[in-house]
N, C-alpha and C. Protein backbone atom coordinates (compact mmCIF):
# COMPACT_ATOMS: atom_id res chain seq x y z
N MET A 1 0.84 -1.18 0.00
CA MET A 1 0.00 0.00 0.00
C MET A 1 0.88 1.24 0.00
N SER A 2 0.53 2.22 -0.76
CA SER A 2 1.33 3.43 -0.82
C SER A 2 1.08 4.32 0.40
N ALA A 3 1.97 5.23 0.63
CA ALA A 3 1.87 6.11 1.80
C ALA A 3 0.66 7.02 1.70
N SER A 4 0.36 7.50 0.50
CA SER A 4 -0.80 8.39 0.37
C SER A 4 -2.10 7.64 0.59
N ASN A 5 -2.15 6.38 0.17
CA ASN A 5 -3.34 5.56 0.40
C ASN A 5 -3.53 5.30 1.89
N ASN A 6 -2.44 5.07 2.60
CA ASN A 6 -2.48 4.86 4.04
C ASN A 6 -2.95 6.12 4.75
N THR A 7 -2.53 7.28 4.27
CA THR A 7 -2.95 8.54 4.87
C THR A 7 -4.46 8.75 4.69
N VAL A 8 -4.97 8.38 3.53
CA VAL A 8 -6.41 8.50 3.29
C VAL A 8 -7.19 7.64 4.27
N PHE A 9 -6.72 6.41 4.51
CA PHE A 9 -7.39 5.54 5.47
C PHE A 9 -7.33 6.11 6.88
N LYS A 10 -6.22 6.71 7.26
CA LYS A 10 -6.09 7.30 8.59
C LYS A 10 -7.04 8.48 8.77
N VAL A 11 -7.14 9.33 7.75
CA VAL A 11 -8.04 10.47 7.82
C VAL A 11 -9.49 10.00 7.87
N LEU A 12 -9.84 9.03 7.03
CA LEU A 12 -11.19 8.49 7.03
C LEU A 12 -11.51 7.84 8.38
N GLY A 13 -10.55 7.13 8.94
CA GLY A 13 -10.74 6.52 10.26
C GLY A 13 -10.98 7.55 11.34
N LEU A 14 -10.24 8.63 11.29
CA LEU A 14 -10.41 9.70 12.28
C LEU A 14 -11.78 10.35 12.14
N ILE A 15 -12.21 10.58 10.91
CA ILE A 15 -13.53 11.18 10.68
C ILE A 15 -14.63 10.25 11.19
N LEU A 16 -14.51 8.96 10.89
CA LEU A 16 -15.51 8.00 11.36
C LEU A 16 -15.52 7.89 12.88
N LEU A 17 -14.36 7.91 13.48
CA LEU A 17 -14.28 7.81 14.94
C LEU A 17 -14.92 9.01 15.61
N VAL A 18 -14.57 10.20 15.16
CA VAL A 18 -15.12 11.42 15.76
C VAL A 18 -16.63 11.51 15.47
N GLY A 19 -17.01 11.19 14.25
CA GLY A 19 -18.43 11.22 13.89
C GLY A 19 -19.24 10.21 14.68
N GLY A 20 -18.70 9.02 14.87
CA GLY A 20 -19.39 7.99 15.64
C GLY A 20 -19.59 8.38 17.09
N VAL A 21 -18.57 8.97 17.68
CA VAL A 21 -18.70 9.44 19.06
C VAL A 21 -19.74 10.56 19.14
N GLY A 22 -19.75 11.43 18.14
CA GLY A 22 -20.73 12.51 18.10
C GLY A 22 -22.16 12.00 17.97
N VAL A 23 -22.36 11.02 17.12
CA VAL A 23 -23.71 10.46 16.94
C VAL A 23 -24.15 9.73 18.20
N ALA A 24 -23.26 9.00 18.84
CA ALA A 24 -23.60 8.32 20.09
C ALA A 24 -23.95 9.33 21.18
N TYR A 25 -23.21 10.42 21.23
CA TYR A 25 -23.52 11.47 22.21
C TYR A 25 -24.87 12.12 21.91
N TRP A 26 -25.17 12.30 20.63
CA TRP A 26 -26.46 12.84 20.23
C TRP A 26 -27.59 11.91 20.71
N GLY A 27 -27.40 10.61 20.59
CA GLY A 27 -28.37 9.65 21.09
C GLY A 27 -28.51 9.75 22.60
N TYR A 28 -27.39 9.93 23.29
CA TYR A 28 -27.43 10.10 24.74
C TYR A 28 -28.23 11.34 25.12
N GLN A 29 -28.03 12.42 24.39
CA GLN A 29 -28.78 13.64 24.66
C GLN A 29 -30.27 13.43 24.40
N MET A 30 -30.59 12.69 23.35
CA MET A 30 -31.99 12.41 23.03
C MET A 30 -32.65 11.53 24.09
N SER A 31 -31.87 10.66 24.74
CA SER A 31 -32.45 9.77 25.74
C SER A 31 -32.91 10.52 26.98
N GLY A 32 -32.42 11.72 27.18
CA GLY A 32 -32.83 12.52 28.33
C GLY A 32 -34.00 13.44 28.03
N ALA A 33 -34.48 13.42 26.80
CA ALA A 33 -35.60 14.29 26.43
C ALA A 33 -36.89 13.82 27.10
N PHE A 34 -37.82 14.74 27.24
CA PHE A 34 -39.08 14.45 27.91
C PHE A 34 -39.84 13.32 27.20
N SER A 35 -39.89 13.37 25.87
CA SER A 35 -40.62 12.34 25.14
C SER A 35 -39.98 10.96 25.31
N ALA A 36 -38.66 10.92 25.41
CA ALA A 36 -37.97 9.65 25.62
C ALA A 36 -38.27 9.10 27.01
N LYS A 37 -38.35 9.99 27.99
CA LYS A 37 -38.67 9.54 29.35
C LYS A 37 -40.09 8.99 29.43
N ILE A 38 -41.02 9.63 28.74
CA ILE A 38 -42.40 9.14 28.71
C ILE A 38 -42.45 7.78 28.01
N SER A 39 -41.79 7.66 26.89
CA SER A 39 -41.76 6.40 26.15
C SER A 39 -41.14 5.29 26.99
N ARG A 40 -40.06 5.61 27.68
CA ARG A 40 -39.40 4.62 28.52
C ARG A 40 -40.29 4.20 29.69
N SER A 41 -41.05 5.13 30.26
CA SER A 41 -41.91 4.76 31.39
C SER A 41 -43.10 3.93 30.94
N LEU A 42 -43.56 4.14 29.71
CA LEU A 42 -44.72 3.38 29.23
C LEU A 42 -44.32 2.01 28.67
N SER A 43 -43.24 1.95 27.93
CA SER A 43 -42.87 0.69 27.28
C SER A 43 -41.70 -0.02 27.96
N GLY A 44 -40.93 0.70 28.73
CA GLY A 44 -39.77 0.11 29.39
C GLY A 44 -38.52 0.07 28.52
N ALA A 45 -38.60 0.63 27.32
CA ALA A 45 -37.46 0.62 26.40
C ALA A 45 -37.23 2.02 25.87
N LEU A 46 -36.01 2.26 25.43
CA LEU A 46 -35.69 3.54 24.80
C LEU A 46 -36.37 3.63 23.44
N PRO A 47 -36.67 4.84 22.98
CA PRO A 47 -37.24 4.99 21.63
C PRO A 47 -36.28 4.49 20.55
N ASP A 48 -36.84 4.10 19.42
CA ASP A 48 -36.03 3.56 18.32
C ASP A 48 -34.99 4.56 17.83
N ALA A 49 -35.35 5.83 17.76
CA ALA A 49 -34.42 6.84 17.25
C ALA A 49 -33.16 6.91 18.11
N VAL A 50 -33.31 6.76 19.41
CA VAL A 50 -32.16 6.77 20.32
C VAL A 50 -31.29 5.53 20.08
N MET A 51 -31.93 4.38 19.97
CA MET A 51 -31.19 3.15 19.76
C MET A 51 -30.45 3.15 18.42
N TYR A 52 -31.08 3.71 17.37
CA TYR A 52 -30.41 3.81 16.08
C TYR A 52 -29.14 4.65 16.18
N ARG A 53 -29.21 5.71 16.95
CA ARG A 53 -28.03 6.57 17.09
C ARG A 53 -26.94 5.89 17.93
N TYR A 54 -27.34 5.18 18.97
CA TYR A 54 -26.36 4.43 19.76
C TYR A 54 -25.66 3.38 18.89
N ILE A 55 -26.42 2.62 18.15
CA ILE A 55 -25.86 1.54 17.34
C ILE A 55 -25.01 2.12 16.20
N GLY A 56 -25.54 3.11 15.50
CA GLY A 56 -24.81 3.73 14.40
C GLY A 56 -23.53 4.38 14.87
N GLY A 57 -23.59 5.05 16.00
CA GLY A 57 -22.39 5.68 16.55
C GLY A 57 -21.34 4.67 16.96
N ALA A 58 -21.78 3.57 17.57
CA ALA A 58 -20.84 2.54 17.99
C ALA A 58 -20.17 1.87 16.79
N VAL A 59 -20.96 1.54 15.78
CA VAL A 59 -20.40 0.89 14.58
C VAL A 59 -19.42 1.83 13.89
N SER A 60 -19.79 3.08 13.74
CA SER A 60 -18.93 4.05 13.09
C SER A 60 -17.63 4.23 13.87
N ALA A 61 -17.72 4.32 15.17
CA ALA A 61 -16.53 4.51 16.00
C ALA A 61 -15.61 3.29 15.93
N VAL A 62 -16.17 2.09 15.93
CA VAL A 62 -15.34 0.88 15.86
C VAL A 62 -14.65 0.78 14.51
N VAL A 63 -15.37 1.07 13.42
CA VAL A 63 -14.76 1.03 12.08
C VAL A 63 -13.66 2.11 11.99
N GLY A 64 -13.94 3.28 12.51
CA GLY A 64 -12.93 4.34 12.51
C GLY A 64 -11.70 3.97 13.30
N LEU A 65 -11.89 3.37 14.45
CA LEU A 65 -10.76 2.93 15.26
C LEU A 65 -9.96 1.84 14.55
N PHE A 66 -10.66 0.93 13.90
CA PHE A 66 -9.98 -0.10 13.13
C PHE A 66 -9.12 0.50 12.01
N LEU A 67 -9.67 1.46 11.30
CA LEU A 67 -8.92 2.08 10.21
C LEU A 67 -7.72 2.86 10.74
N LEU A 68 -7.84 3.42 11.94
CA LEU A 68 -6.70 4.16 12.52
C LEU A 68 -5.57 3.25 12.95
N ILE A 69 -5.89 2.08 13.49
CA ILE A 69 -4.83 1.26 14.06
C ILE A 69 -4.31 0.20 13.11
N LYS A 70 -5.00 -0.04 11.98
CA LYS A 70 -4.49 -1.06 11.05
C LYS A 70 -3.23 -0.56 10.36
N LYS A 71 -2.38 -1.48 10.02
CA LYS A 71 -1.09 -1.10 9.43
C LYS A 71 -1.13 -1.09 7.93
């Protein structure tokens, strides 16, 4: 692999890592909203939108971390 190709993967990994953490934090913020608390008290589970952000953020962060540490 060429050095410039490796640099592209590192930059993409960093973007995915930071973006994934941001999306997961956005889901965390949404879980504290009034509508989420009502939904959780009625159904016992977090709303789907919150879970999608948690899952999407985690997947993005893991892929980004993988791209950063791979040789």
